[in-house]
C-alpha cells in the first residue's frame, strides 16, 4: 500500500470516528438536558413542600 492509500485510509477512519463522537456528544447533551429538567422539577416540588411547611408553622 502506498503512502497516498494509507493517508486516504487514515482520513476515512478519522472522519468515521469524528461522526461517532458527534453522535455521542448529541446523545450526551440530550441526556444532560433530561437530567436538568428532572432536577428542576424535583427542586420545584421541594420548594412547594417547604412553603407548605412554613405556612403551617407560621
PDB file of N, CA and C in Angstrom:
ATOM      1  N   UNK A   1       0.852  -1.183   0.000  1.00  0.00           N
ATOM      2  CA  UNK A   1       0.000   0.000   0.000  1.00  0.00           C
ATOM      3  C   UNK A   1       0.894   1.240   0.000  1.00  0.00           C
ATOM      4  N   UNK A   2       0.619   2.116  -0.926  1.00  0.00           N
ATOM      5  CA  UNK A   2       1.471   3.295  -0.985  1.00  0.00           C
ATOM      6  C   UNK A   2       1.012   4.356   0.020  1.00  0.00           C
ATOM      7  N   UNK A   3       1.808   5.349   0.126  1.00  0.00           N
ATOM      8  CA  UNK A   3       1.584   6.393   1.130  1.00  0.00           C
ATOM      9  C   UNK A   3       0.233   7.090   0.939  1.00  0.00           C
ATOM     10  N   UNK A   4      -0.144   7.353  -0.293  1.00  0.00           N
ATOM     11  CA  UNK A   4      -1.405   8.026  -0.564  1.00  0.00           C
ATOM     12  C   UNK A   4      -2.589   7.164  -0.120  1.00  0.00           C
ATOM     13  N   UNK A   5      -2.541   5.884  -0.352  1.00  0.00           N
ATOM     14  CA  UNK A   5      -3.609   4.986   0.094  1.00  0.00           C
ATOM     15  C   UNK A   5      -3.681   4.926   1.621  1.00  0.00           C
ATOM     16  N   UNK A   6      -2.531   4.912   2.256  1.00  0.00           N
ATOM     17  CA  UNK A   6      -2.502   4.912   3.720  1.00  0.00           C
ATOM     18  C   UNK A   6      -3.124   6.193   4.270  1.00  0.00           C
ATOM     19  N   UNK A   7      -2.782   7.296   3.642  1.00  0.00           N
ATOM     20  CA  UNK A   7      -3.328   8.578   4.062  1.00  0.00           C
ATOM     21  C   UNK A   7      -4.845   8.603   3.871  1.00  0.00           C
ATOM     22  N   UNK A   8      -5.313   8.104   2.729  1.00  0.00           N
ATOM     23  CA  UNK A   8      -6.741   8.057   2.465  1.00  0.00           C
ATOM     24  C   UNK A   8      -7.465   7.171   3.478  1.00  0.00           C
ATOM     25  N   UNK A   9      -6.895   6.029   3.784  1.00  0.00           N
ATOM     26  CA  UNK A   9      -7.489   5.128   4.765  1.00  0.00           C
ATOM     27  C   UNK A   9      -7.553   5.781   6.141  1.00  0.00           C
ATOM     28  N   UNK A  10      -6.483   6.422   6.516  1.00  0.00           N
ATOM     29  CA  UNK A  10      -6.441   7.086   7.828  1.00  0.00           C
ATOM     30  C   UNK A  10      -7.450   8.227   7.905  1.00  0.00           C
ATOM     31  N   UNK A  11      -7.569   8.988   6.819  1.00  0.00           N
ATOM     32  CA  UNK A  11      -8.545  10.081   6.787  1.00  0.00           C
ATOM     33  C   UNK A  11      -9.961   9.529   6.918  1.00  0.00           C
ATOM     34  N   UNK A  12     -10.256   8.454   6.228  1.00  0.00           N
ATOM     35  CA  UNK A  12     -11.583   7.845   6.332  1.00  0.00           C
ATOM     36  C   UNK A  12     -11.862   7.359   7.750  1.00  0.00           C
ATOM     37  N   UNK A  13     -10.877   6.778   8.391  1.00  0.00           N
ATOM     38  CA  UNK A  13     -11.025   6.340   9.777  1.00  0.00           C
ATOM     39  C   UNK A  13     -11.305   7.534  10.694  1.00  0.00           C
ATOM     40  N   UNK A  14     -10.559   8.595  10.495  1.00  0.00           N
ATOM     41  CA  UNK A  14     -10.745   9.783  11.319  1.00  0.00           C
ATOM     42  C   UNK A  14     -12.116  10.416  11.102  1.00  0.00           C
ATOM     43  N   UNK A  15     -12.572  10.458   9.859  1.00  0.00           N
ATOM     44  CA  UNK A  15     -13.891  11.015   9.575  1.00  0.00           C
ATOM     45  C   UNK A  15     -14.989  10.155  10.207  1.00  0.00           C
ATOM     46  N   UNK A  16     -14.852   8.854  10.143  1.00  0.00           N
ATOM     47  CA  UNK A  16     -15.814   7.952  10.753  1.00  0.00           C
ATOM     48  C   UNK A  16     -15.836   8.144  12.267  1.00  0.00           C
ATOM     49  N   UNK A  17     -14.656   8.219  12.861  1.00  0.00           N
ATOM     50  CA  UNK A  17     -14.564   8.422  14.305  1.00  0.00           C
ATOM     51  C   UNK A  17     -15.161   9.761  14.708  1.00  0.00           C
ATOM     52  N   UNK A  18     -14.937  10.783  13.902  1.00  0.00           N
ATOM     53  CA  UNK A  18     -15.497  12.096  14.181  1.00  0.00           C
ATOM     54  C   UNK A  18     -17.025  12.047  14.178  1.00  0.00           C
ATOM     55  N   UNK A  19     -17.615  11.347  13.214  1.00  0.00           N
ATOM     56  CA  UNK A  19     -19.073  11.222  13.171  1.00  0.00           C
ATOM     57  C   UNK A  19     -19.592  10.481  14.398  1.00  0.00           C
ATOM     58  N   UNK A  20     -18.885   9.445  14.816  1.00  0.00           N
ATOM     59  CA  UNK A  20     -19.279   8.703  16.019  1.00  0.00           C
ATOM     60  C   UNK A  20     -19.245   9.610  17.246  1.00  0.00           C
ATOM     61  N   UNK A  21     -18.193  10.395  17.368  1.00  0.00           N
ATOM     62  CA  UNK A  21     -18.060  11.292  18.512  1.00  0.00           C
ATOM     63  C   UNK A  21     -19.126  12.383  18.498  1.00  0.00           C
ATOM     64  N   UNK A  22     -19.457  12.886  17.319  1.00  0.00           N
ATOM     65  CA  UNK A  22     -20.512  13.890  17.230  1.00  0.00           C
ATOM     66  C   UNK A  22     -21.852  13.305  17.680  1.00  0.00           C
ATOM     67  N   UNK A  23     -22.133  12.073  17.281  1.00  0.00           N
ATOM     68  CA  UNK A  23     -23.378  11.426  17.699  1.00  0.00           C
ATOM     69  C   UNK A  23     -23.379  11.179  19.207  1.00  0.00           C
ATOM     70  N   UNK A  24     -22.261  10.701  19.738  1.00  0.00           N
ATOM     71  CA  UNK A  24     -22.152  10.508  21.188  1.00  0.00           C
ATOM     72  C   UNK A  24     -22.379  11.823  21.928  1.00  0.00           C
ATOM     73  N   UNK A  25     -21.801  12.883  21.419  1.00  0.00           N
ATOM     74  CA  UNK A  25     -21.954  14.205  22.037  1.00  0.00           C
ATOM     75  C   UNK A  25     -23.414  14.640  22.004  1.00  0.00           C
ATOM     76  N   UNK A  26     -24.092  14.424  20.889  1.00  0.00           N
ATOM     77  CA  UNK A  26     -25.501  14.792  20.771  1.00  0.00           C
ATOM     78  C   UNK A  26     -26.344  14.034  21.792  1.00  0.00           C
ATOM     79  N   UNK A  27     -26.082  12.734  21.926  1.00  0.00           N
ATOM     80  CA  UNK A  27     -26.838  11.924  22.875  1.00  0.00           C
ATOM     81  C   UNK A  27     -26.564  12.342  24.319  1.00  0.00           C
ATOM     82  N   UNK A  28     -25.329  12.656  24.613  1.00  0.00           N
ATOM     83  CA  UNK A  28     -24.979  13.099  25.966  1.00  0.00           C
ATOM     84  C   UNK A  28     -25.622  14.440  26.296  1.00  0.00           C
ATOM     85  N   UNK A  29     -25.652  15.340  25.327  1.00  0.00           N
ATOM     86  CA  UNK A  29     -26.307  16.634  25.551  1.00  0.00           C
ATOM     87  C   UNK A  29     -27.803  16.454  25.798  1.00  0.00           C
ATOM     88  N   UNK A  30     -28.405  15.535  25.054  1.00  0.00           N
ATOM     89  CA  UNK A  30     -29.830  15.245  25.243  1.00  0.00           C
ATOM     90  C   UNK A  30     -30.069  14.664  26.633  1.00  0.00           C
ATOM     91  N   UNK A  31     -29.219  13.738  27.032  1.00  0.00           N
ATOM     92  CA  UNK A  31     -29.353  13.135  28.368  1.00  0.00           C
ATOM     93  C   UNK A  31     -29.154  14.189  29.452  1.00  0.00           C
ATOM     94  N   UNK A  32     -28.189  15.065  29.276  1.00  0.00           N
ATOM     95  CA  UNK A  32     -27.936  16.130  30.247  1.00  0.00           C
ATOM     96  C   UNK A  32     -29.161  17.030  30.387  1.00  0.00           C
ATOM     97  N   UNK A  33     -29.788  17.369  29.272  1.00  0.00           N
ATOM     98  CA  UNK A  33     -30.975  18.219  29.326  1.00  0.00           C
ATOM     99  C   UNK A  33     -32.102  17.524  30.088  1.00  0.00           C
ATOM    100  N   UNK A  34     -32.264  16.225  29.886  1.00  0.00           N
ATOM    101  CA  UNK A  34     -33.294  15.486  30.610  1.00  0.00           C
ATOM    102  C   UNK A  34     -33.007  15.474  32.114  1.00  0.00           C
ATOM    103  N   UNK A  35     -31.754  15.293  32.476  1.00  0.00           N
ATOM    104  CA  UNK A  35     -31.378  15.295  33.889  1.00  0.00           C
ATOM    105  C   UNK A  35     -31.628  16.666  34.498  1.00  0.00           C
ATOM    106  N   UNK A  36     -31.304  17.709  33.767  1.00  0.00           N
ATOM    107  CA  UNK A  36     -31.548  19.070  34.268  1.00  0.00           C
ATOM    108  C   UNK A  36     -33.037  19.317  34.471  1.00  0.00           C
ATOM    109  N   UNK A  37     -33.846  18.868  33.530  1.00  0.00           N
ATOM    110  CA  UNK A  37     -35.294  19.060  33.669  1.00  0.00           C
ATOM    111  C   UNK A  37     -35.828  18.305  34.882  1.00  0.00           C
ATOM    112  N   UNK A  38     -35.344  17.085  35.076  1.00  0.00           N
ATOM    113  CA  UNK A  38     -35.762  16.300  36.245  1.00  0.00           C
ATOM    114  C   UNK A  38     -35.337  16.987  37.536  1.00  0.00           C
ATOM    115  N   UNK A  39     -34.128  17.499  37.557  1.00  0.00           N
ATOM    116  CA  UNK A  39     -33.626  18.206  38.740  1.00  0.00           C
ATOM    117  C   UNK A  39     -34.486  19.420  39.043  1.00  0.00           C
ATOM    118  N   UNK A  40     -34.794  20.181  37.999  1.00  0.00           N
ATOM    119  CA  UNK A  40     -35.615  21.379  38.197  1.00  0.00           C
ATOM    120  C   UNK A  40     -36.999  21.020  38.726  1.00  0.00           C
ATOM    121  N   UNK A  41     -37.566  19.935  38.217  1.00  0.00           N
ATOM    122  CA  UNK A  41     -38.886  19.502  38.689  1.00  0.00           C
ATOM    123  C   UNK A  41     -38.828  19.097  40.157  1.00  0.00           C
ATOM    124  N   UNK A  42     -37.792  18.399  40.550  1.00  0.00           N
ATOM    125  CA  UNK A  42     -37.635  17.995  41.950  1.00  0.00           C
ATOM    126  C   UNK A  42     -37.457  19.215  42.841  1.00  0.00           C
ATOM    127  N   UNK A  43     -36.653  20.163  42.399  1.00  0.00           N
ATOM    128  CA  UNK A  43     -36.452  21.382  43.188  1.00  0.00           C
ATOM    129  C   UNK A  43     -37.747  22.163  43.349  1.00  0.00           C
ATOM    130  N   UNK A  44     -38.568  22.192  42.305  1.00  0.00           N
ATOM    131  CA  UNK A  44     -39.865  22.868  42.410  1.00  0.00           C
ATOM    132  C   UNK A  44     -40.753  22.190  43.436  1.00  0.00           C
ATOM    133  N   UNK A  45     -40.764  20.872  43.414  1.00  0.00           N
ATOM    134  CA  UNK A  45     -41.582  20.135  44.382  1.00  0.00           C
ATOM    135  C   UNK A  45     -41.091  20.382  45.804  1.00  0.00           C
ATOM    136  N   UNK A  46     -39.787  20.391  45.991  1.00  0.00           N
ATOM    137  CA  UNK A  46     -39.223  20.642  47.322  1.00  0.00           C
ATOM    138  C   UNK A  46     -39.596  22.042  47.792  1.00  0.00           C
ATOM    139  N   UNK A  47     -39.458  23.017  46.894  1.00  0.00           N
ATOM    140  CA  UNK A  47     -39.835  24.391  47.254  1.00  0.00           C
ATOM    141  C   UNK A  47     -41.304  24.464  47.661  1.00  0.00           C
ATOM    142  N   UNK A  48     -42.156  23.792  46.914  1.00  0.00           N
ATOM    143  CA  UNK A  48     -43.579  23.785  47.251  1.00  0.00           C
ATOM    144  C   UNK A  48     -43.843  23.167  48.610  1.00  0.00           C
ATOM    145  N   UNK A  49     -43.161  22.060  48.894  1.00  0.00           N
ATOM    146  CA  UNK A  49     -43.325  21.417  50.200  1.00  0.00           C
ATOM    147  C   UNK A  49     -42.815  22.304  51.329  1.00  0.00           C
ATOM    148  N   UNK A  50     -41.692  22.955  51.111  1.00  0.00           N
ATOM    149  CA  UNK A  50     -41.160  23.854  52.142  1.00  0.00           C
ATOM    150  C   UNK A  50     -42.107  25.015  52.415  1.00  0.00           C
ATOM    151  N   UNK A  51     -42.709  25.546  51.375  1.00  0.00           N
ATOM    152  CA  UNK A  51     -43.661  26.638  51.564  1.00  0.00           C
ATOM    153  C   UNK A  51     -44.870  26.177  52.346  1.00  0.00           C
ATOM    154  N   UNK A  52     -45.341  24.968  52.070  1.00  0.00           N
ATOM    155  CA  UNK A  52     -46.472  24.425  52.823  1.00  0.00           C
ATOM    156  C   UNK A  52     -46.115  24.258  54.297  1.00  0.00           C
ATOM    157  N   UNK A  53     -44.926  23.729  54.552  1.00  0.00           N
ATOM    158  CA  UNK A  53     -44.497  23.539  55.940  1.00  0.00           C
ATOM    159  C   UNK A  53     -44.368  24.884  56.638  1.00  0.00           C
ATOM    160  N   UNK A  54     -43.753  25.850  55.976  1.00  0.00           N
ATOM    161  CA  UNK A  54     -43.606  27.176  56.569  1.00  0.00           C
ATOM    162  C   UNK A  54     -44.977  27.808  56.828  1.00  0.00           C
ATOM    163  N   UNK A  55     -45.929  27.587  55.906  1.00  0.00           N
ATOM    164  CA  UNK A  55     -47.255  28.141  56.093  1.00  0.00           C
ATOM    165  C   UNK A  55     -47.970  27.519  57.286  1.00  0.00           C
ATOM    166  N   UNK A  56     -47.774  26.243  57.486  1.00  0.00           N
ATOM    167  CA  UNK A  56     -48.417  25.577  58.615  1.00  0.00           C
ATOM    168  C   UNK A  56     -47.745  25.916  59.942  1.00  0.00           C
ATOM    169  N   UNK A  57     -46.461  26.178  59.903  1.00  0.00           N
ATOM    170  CA  UNK A  57     -45.736  26.519  61.134  1.00  0.00           C
ATOM    171  C   UNK A  57     -45.865  28.014  61.455  1.00  0.00           C
ATOM    172  N   UNK A  58     -46.023  28.801  60.435  1.00  0.00           N
ATOM    173  CA  UNK A  58     -46.004  30.244  60.640  1.00  0.00           C
ATOM    174  C   UNK A  58     -47.338  30.774  60.859  1.00  0.00           C
TER     175      UNK A  58
END
